[in-house]
């Protein structure tokens, strides 16, 4: 039987933070978690959009506990404020879904001078996770899920030009950021295991999903129109994330994607990462570089 929302277990008493929860895959991830009884924190930049998402979820889950956490992943200051808010208001955190992302925008820098895609998709979530691990370590069975992409297979970590000061390719930078998500996942899970902490890190990807993430594709989007009939909807695209976050059989370091041909759409199952993600030298270099750039040292 294909994996569906019906497979997500009851989550009463659990607290989840979903970044980018106001739209697309993040919204449907938050919706399903709320419908199953979790207290869901929506990590979003815009109050109005967050409130609209909350009101929409309440239509299908009128008893749901939902709160907005102001969060701009392009700002280390905002990330720090968001983490402090969560730590102050909640005694534990069971799920951290690092979902928010930007895809192929014009060359832009974050508030802290990072190339936008690497800065938001990887460094922002690296910093947020590092700040929240101590809170999550209080809760046995807590999980961190990084949302990557099929595009990680074409990624290369360009340590000599991390912020695209020499050259900028929209797609190559997106691919790099999504590869970094998987390096982060594998390294984090291993470090959690070695520290004996009851937290596990997993990853997912939505396959081909018809969401707002591709809004910067411009005329290239026309090329994808024939594929839209085959693509996942945003709700289908959330299924791999939901499985990684809630399946009792999902293990730390696991990677989940669509079950259909080419991992493009439909359902969710365990899938393989690019073998390069097993390169320990690159993984450790990226970890140390990420700590240096964000100023966040993980405390295990």
Protein backbone atom coordinates (compact mmCIF):
# COMPACT_ATOMS: atom_id res chain seq x y z
CA UNK A 1 0.00 0.00 0.00
CA UNK A 2 1.34 3.42 -0.94
CA UNK A 3 2.32 5.70 1.91
CA UNK A 4 -0.27 8.40 2.60
CA UNK A 5 -1.23 10.95 5.23
CA UNK A 6 -3.33 8.24 6.87
CA UNK A 7 -0.09 6.52 7.95
CA UNK A 8 0.98 9.44 10.16
CA UNK A 9 0.41 8.41 13.80
CA UNK A 10 -1.29 10.40 16.54
CA UNK A 11 1.06 13.05 17.91
CA UNK A 12 -0.73 14.40 20.96
CA UNK A 13 1.75 15.85 23.45
CA UNK A 14 4.39 16.43 20.77
CA UNK A 15 5.74 19.83 19.75
CA UNK A 16 7.02 20.49 16.22
CA UNK A 17 8.72 23.48 14.60
CA UNK A 18 8.33 23.67 10.81
CA UNK A 19 10.30 26.32 8.94
CA UNK A 20 8.62 27.83 5.89
CA UNK A 21 5.28 26.52 7.13
CA UNK A 22 3.10 29.17 5.53
CA UNK A 23 3.15 27.74 2.01
CA UNK A 24 3.76 24.67 -0.14
CA UNK A 25 5.29 21.54 1.32
CA UNK A 26 5.94 23.23 4.66
CA UNK A 27 2.29 24.20 5.00
CA UNK A 28 1.07 20.67 4.34
CA UNK A 29 3.67 19.23 6.69
CA UNK A 30 2.43 21.58 9.43
CA UNK A 31 -1.21 20.84 8.58
CA UNK A 32 -0.87 17.07 8.89
CA UNK A 33 1.17 17.29 12.09
CA UNK A 34 -1.50 19.57 13.58
CA UNK A 35 -4.32 17.30 12.44
CA UNK A 36 -2.59 14.43 14.24
CA UNK A 37 -2.50 16.41 17.49
CA UNK A 38 0.97 17.98 17.57
CA UNK A 39 1.47 21.52 18.83
CA UNK A 40 2.90 23.10 15.69
CA UNK A 41 5.14 26.16 15.60
CA UNK A 42 5.20 27.86 12.21
CA UNK A 43 8.61 29.40 11.60
CA UNK A 44 7.94 32.13 9.01
CA UNK A 45 9.01 35.68 8.22
CA UNK A 46 5.60 37.23 7.61
CA UNK A 47 2.97 37.48 10.37
CA UNK A 48 0.07 37.89 7.94
CA UNK A 49 1.01 34.83 5.88
CA UNK A 50 1.59 32.78 9.03
CA UNK A 51 -1.79 33.77 10.44
CA UNK A 52 -3.50 32.89 7.15
CA UNK A 53 -1.85 29.45 7.25
CA UNK A 54 -2.97 28.99 10.86
CA UNK A 55 -6.56 29.92 10.04
CA UNK A 56 -6.56 27.52 7.09
CA UNK A 57 -5.26 24.64 9.21
CA UNK A 58 -7.86 25.32 11.88
CA UNK A 59 -10.58 24.60 9.31
CA UNK A 60 -9.52 20.95 9.20
CA UNK A 61 -8.11 20.75 12.74
CA UNK A 62 -10.24 23.12 14.85
CA UNK A 63 -8.68 21.90 18.12
CA UNK A 64 -5.12 22.30 16.90
CA UNK A 65 -2.46 24.22 18.85
CA UNK A 66 -0.66 26.51 16.42
CA UNK A 67 1.74 29.39 17.02
CA UNK A 68 3.79 31.69 14.81
CA UNK A 69 7.51 31.99 15.49
CA UNK A 70 9.03 34.98 13.63
CA UNK A 71 11.93 33.55 11.67
CA UNK A 72 14.03 34.89 8.80
CA UNK A 73 16.62 32.30 7.80
CA UNK A 74 18.56 34.97 5.92
CA UNK A 75 19.43 36.61 9.24
CA UNK A 76 21.52 35.04 12.02
CA UNK A 77 20.05 37.64 14.37
CA UNK A 78 16.51 36.52 13.56
CA UNK A 79 17.51 32.86 13.88
CA UNK A 80 18.89 33.54 17.35
CA UNK A 81 15.72 35.38 18.38
CA UNK A 82 13.52 32.56 17.09
CA UNK A 83 15.52 29.91 18.96
CA UNK A 84 15.31 31.94 22.17
CA UNK A 85 11.55 32.27 21.72
CA UNK A 86 11.13 28.51 21.33
CA UNK A 87 13.39 27.77 24.30
CA UNK A 88 11.60 30.28 26.49
CA UNK A 89 8.08 29.13 25.70
CA UNK A 90 8.56 25.37 25.41
CA UNK A 91 10.09 22.83 27.75
CA UNK A 92 10.80 20.40 24.92
CA UNK A 93 10.82 20.11 21.13
CA UNK A 94 10.08 16.75 19.52
CA UNK A 95 10.35 17.61 15.83
CA UNK A 96 12.38 20.18 13.93
CA UNK A 97 11.47 20.23 10.24
CA UNK A 98 14.04 22.29 8.34
CA UNK A 99 11.85 22.83 5.29
CA UNK A 100 12.15 26.46 4.21
CA UNK A 101 14.23 27.21 1.15
CA UNK A 102 14.88 29.40 -1.85
CA UNK A 103 15.48 28.10 -5.36
CA UNK A 104 17.41 29.73 -8.22
CA UNK A 105 16.91 33.41 -7.33
CA UNK A 106 18.97 36.22 -8.84
CA UNK A 107 22.32 36.61 -7.08
CA UNK A 108 21.52 37.93 -3.62
CA UNK A 109 23.29 38.09 -0.27
CA UNK A 110 21.81 37.44 3.15
CA UNK A 111 21.93 39.98 5.96
CA UNK A 112 25.23 38.40 7.03
CA UNK A 113 26.81 38.41 3.56
CA UNK A 114 26.20 34.79 2.58
CA UNK A 115 25.03 33.81 -0.91
CA UNK A 116 21.26 33.53 -0.44
CA UNK A 117 20.67 29.89 -1.35
CA UNK A 118 23.63 28.53 0.63
CA UNK A 119 22.87 31.00 3.41
CA UNK A 120 19.19 30.14 3.82
CA UNK A 121 18.99 26.52 2.72
CA UNK A 122 22.07 25.33 4.60
CA UNK A 123 23.70 27.86 6.93
CA UNK A 124 20.41 29.23 8.30
CA UNK A 125 19.15 25.77 9.18
CA UNK A 126 22.58 24.74 10.47
CA UNK A 127 22.48 27.68 12.91
CA UNK A 128 18.87 27.11 13.96
CA UNK A 129 19.45 23.42 14.57
CA UNK A 130 22.60 24.07 16.59
CA UNK A 131 20.72 26.41 18.88
CA UNK A 132 17.83 23.97 19.38
CA UNK A 133 19.67 20.67 19.85
CA UNK A 134 20.02 21.16 23.64
CA UNK A 135 16.24 21.62 23.94
CA UNK A 136 15.55 18.60 21.74
CA UNK A 137 17.97 16.45 23.75
CA UNK A 138 15.53 16.62 26.68
CA UNK A 139 13.04 14.56 24.72
CA UNK A 140 13.64 10.89 23.94
CA UNK A 141 12.93 10.13 20.30
CA UNK A 142 13.21 13.70 19.01
CA UNK A 143 13.90 14.04 15.29
CA UNK A 144 15.42 16.65 13.01
CA UNK A 145 14.45 16.43 9.32
CA UNK A 146 16.35 18.39 6.67
CA UNK A 147 14.46 18.79 3.40
CA UNK A 148 16.88 18.33 0.50
CA UNK A 149 16.22 17.77 -3.21
CA UNK A 150 16.89 15.45 -6.12
CA UNK A 151 19.10 18.33 -7.28
CA UNK A 152 21.70 17.41 -4.65
CA UNK A 153 23.06 14.84 -7.10
CA UNK A 154 24.51 17.63 -9.25
CA UNK A 155 25.91 19.59 -6.33
CA UNK A 156 29.53 20.42 -5.52
CA UNK A 157 30.61 22.23 -2.35
CA UNK A 158 32.70 25.09 -3.73
CA UNK A 159 34.85 25.87 -0.69
CA UNK A 160 36.90 28.36 -2.71
CA UNK A 161 33.86 30.50 -3.55
CA UNK A 162 31.16 29.73 -0.98
CA UNK A 163 29.41 33.06 -1.41
CA UNK A 164 29.59 33.23 -5.22
CA UNK A 165 31.86 36.26 -5.22
CA UNK A 166 33.71 34.96 -8.30
CA UNK A 167 30.90 33.29 -10.22
CA UNK A 168 27.17 32.77 -9.78
CA UNK A 169 25.11 30.01 -11.37
CA UNK A 170 21.58 29.90 -9.98
CA UNK A 171 21.14 26.16 -10.38
CA UNK A 172 24.64 25.15 -9.32
CA UNK A 173 24.23 27.15 -6.11
CA UNK A 174 20.87 25.51 -5.45
CA UNK A 175 22.38 22.08 -6.03
CA UNK A 176 25.26 22.92 -3.69
CA UNK A 177 22.91 24.01 -0.92
CA UNK A 178 20.86 20.82 -1.20
CA UNK A 179 23.99 18.65 -1.12
CA UNK A 180 25.04 20.57 1.99
CA UNK A 181 21.71 19.63 3.61
CA UNK A 182 22.61 15.96 3.27
CA UNK A 183 26.16 16.40 4.54
CA UNK A 184 24.67 18.22 7.53
CA UNK A 185 22.16 15.42 8.14
CA UNK A 186 24.71 12.62 8.06
CA UNK A 187 27.30 14.48 10.16
CA UNK A 188 24.71 15.60 12.70
CA UNK A 189 23.24 12.14 13.14
CA UNK A 190 26.68 10.63 13.66
CA UNK A 191 27.63 13.26 16.23
CA UNK A 192 24.33 12.75 18.08
CA UNK A 193 24.96 9.00 18.19
CA UNK A 194 28.49 9.45 19.45
CA UNK A 195 27.26 11.81 22.16
CA UNK A 196 24.61 9.32 23.27
CA UNK A 197 21.80 11.84 22.82
CA UNK A 198 18.23 10.60 22.14
CA UNK A 199 17.86 12.72 18.99
CA UNK A 200 18.15 11.54 15.40
CA UNK A 201 18.68 13.46 12.16
CA UNK A 202 17.05 12.39 8.89
CA UNK A 203 16.48 13.92 5.48
CA UNK A 204 13.80 13.95 2.82
CA UNK A 205 13.10 15.31 -0.63
CA UNK A 206 9.75 16.03 -2.29
CA UNK A 207 10.60 14.83 -5.79
CA UNK A 208 9.04 17.00 -8.45
CA UNK A 209 6.49 19.15 -6.68
CA UNK A 210 4.40 21.96 -8.08
CA UNK A 211 4.97 24.67 -5.47
CA UNK A 212 5.94 28.34 -5.18
CA UNK A 213 9.59 27.34 -4.79
CA UNK A 214 10.07 27.55 -8.54
CA UNK A 215 8.84 31.14 -8.84
CA UNK A 216 12.31 32.37 -9.87
CA UNK A 217 12.53 30.01 -12.84
CA UNK A 218 11.00 32.64 -15.13
CA UNK A 219 10.78 31.53 -18.75
CA UNK A 220 12.39 28.22 -17.84
CA UNK A 221 9.17 27.32 -16.06
CA UNK A 222 7.55 26.91 -19.48
CA UNK A 223 9.84 23.92 -20.05
CA UNK A 224 8.41 22.26 -16.96
CA UNK A 225 4.75 22.70 -17.94
CA UNK A 226 4.47 19.25 -19.60
CA UNK A 227 5.82 17.69 -16.40
CA UNK A 228 3.27 19.33 -14.11
CA UNK A 229 0.74 16.61 -14.84
CA UNK A 230 3.24 14.09 -13.44
CA UNK A 231 4.43 16.20 -10.52
CA UNK A 232 3.43 15.84 -6.91
CA UNK A 233 1.01 18.34 -5.50
CA UNK A 234 2.37 20.22 -2.49
CA UNK A 235 0.48 17.86 -0.17
CA UNK A 236 1.99 14.81 -1.91
CA UNK A 237 5.41 16.43 -1.77
CA UNK A 238 5.13 16.59 2.02
CA UNK A 239 4.77 12.82 2.39
CA UNK A 240 8.52 11.97 2.46
CA UNK A 241 9.07 14.60 5.15
CA UNK A 242 6.16 13.26 7.19
CA UNK A 243 7.48 9.73 6.92
CA UNK A 244 10.98 10.75 7.98
CA UNK A 245 9.53 12.69 10.90
CA UNK A 246 6.99 10.19 12.22
CA UNK A 247 7.49 6.65 10.90
CA UNK A 248 8.43 4.41 13.82
CA UNK A 249 10.72 2.41 11.53
CA UNK A 250 12.63 5.41 10.18
CA UNK A 251 16.23 5.40 11.39
CA UNK A 252 18.72 8.17 11.99
CA UNK A 253 20.64 9.15 8.90
CA UNK A 254 17.82 7.89 6.68
CA UNK A 255 16.71 9.67 3.51
CA UNK A 256 13.14 9.60 2.20
CA UNK A 257 11.69 10.52 -1.17
CA UNK A 258 8.76 9.70 -3.43
CA UNK A 259 8.13 6.02 -4.20
CA UNK A 260 7.34 6.48 -7.89
CA UNK A 261 9.65 6.07 -10.88
CA UNK A 262 12.83 8.10 -10.54
CA UNK A 263 11.73 9.32 -7.09
CA UNK A 264 9.76 11.95 -8.97
CA UNK A 265 6.31 11.61 -7.39
CA UNK A 266 3.81 9.56 -5.38
CA UNK A 267 4.05 8.20 -1.86
CA UNK A 268 7.21 7.99 0.22
CA UNK A 269 9.96 5.44 0.83
CA UNK A 270 13.59 5.21 1.88
CA UNK A 271 15.87 6.28 -0.98
CA UNK A 272 19.61 6.52 -1.62
CA UNK A 273 21.79 9.61 -1.40
CA UNK A 274 24.60 10.42 -3.79
CA UNK A 275 27.63 8.32 -2.65
CA UNK A 276 29.69 11.51 -2.31
CA UNK A 277 27.75 12.30 0.87
CA UNK A 278 29.81 9.56 2.53
CA UNK A 279 33.02 11.57 2.00
CA UNK A 280 34.05 12.19 5.61
CA UNK A 281 36.72 14.76 4.76
CA UNK A 282 34.28 17.00 2.91
CA UNK A 283 31.64 16.45 5.59
CA UNK A 284 33.94 17.54 8.40
CA UNK A 285 35.31 20.50 6.44
CA UNK A 286 31.77 21.69 5.73
CA UNK A 287 30.81 21.26 9.39
CA UNK A 288 33.77 23.31 10.65
CA UNK A 289 33.25 25.96 7.97
CA UNK A 290 29.56 26.21 8.85
CA UNK A 291 30.40 26.67 12.53
CA UNK A 292 32.89 29.40 11.68
CA UNK A 293 30.53 31.26 9.35
CA UNK A 294 27.49 31.13 11.66
CA UNK A 295 29.33 31.43 14.95
CA UNK A 296 27.31 28.43 16.19
CA UNK A 297 29.18 25.60 17.85
CA UNK A 298 26.99 22.59 18.59
CA UNK A 299 27.02 21.48 22.23
CA UNK A 300 26.42 17.73 22.46
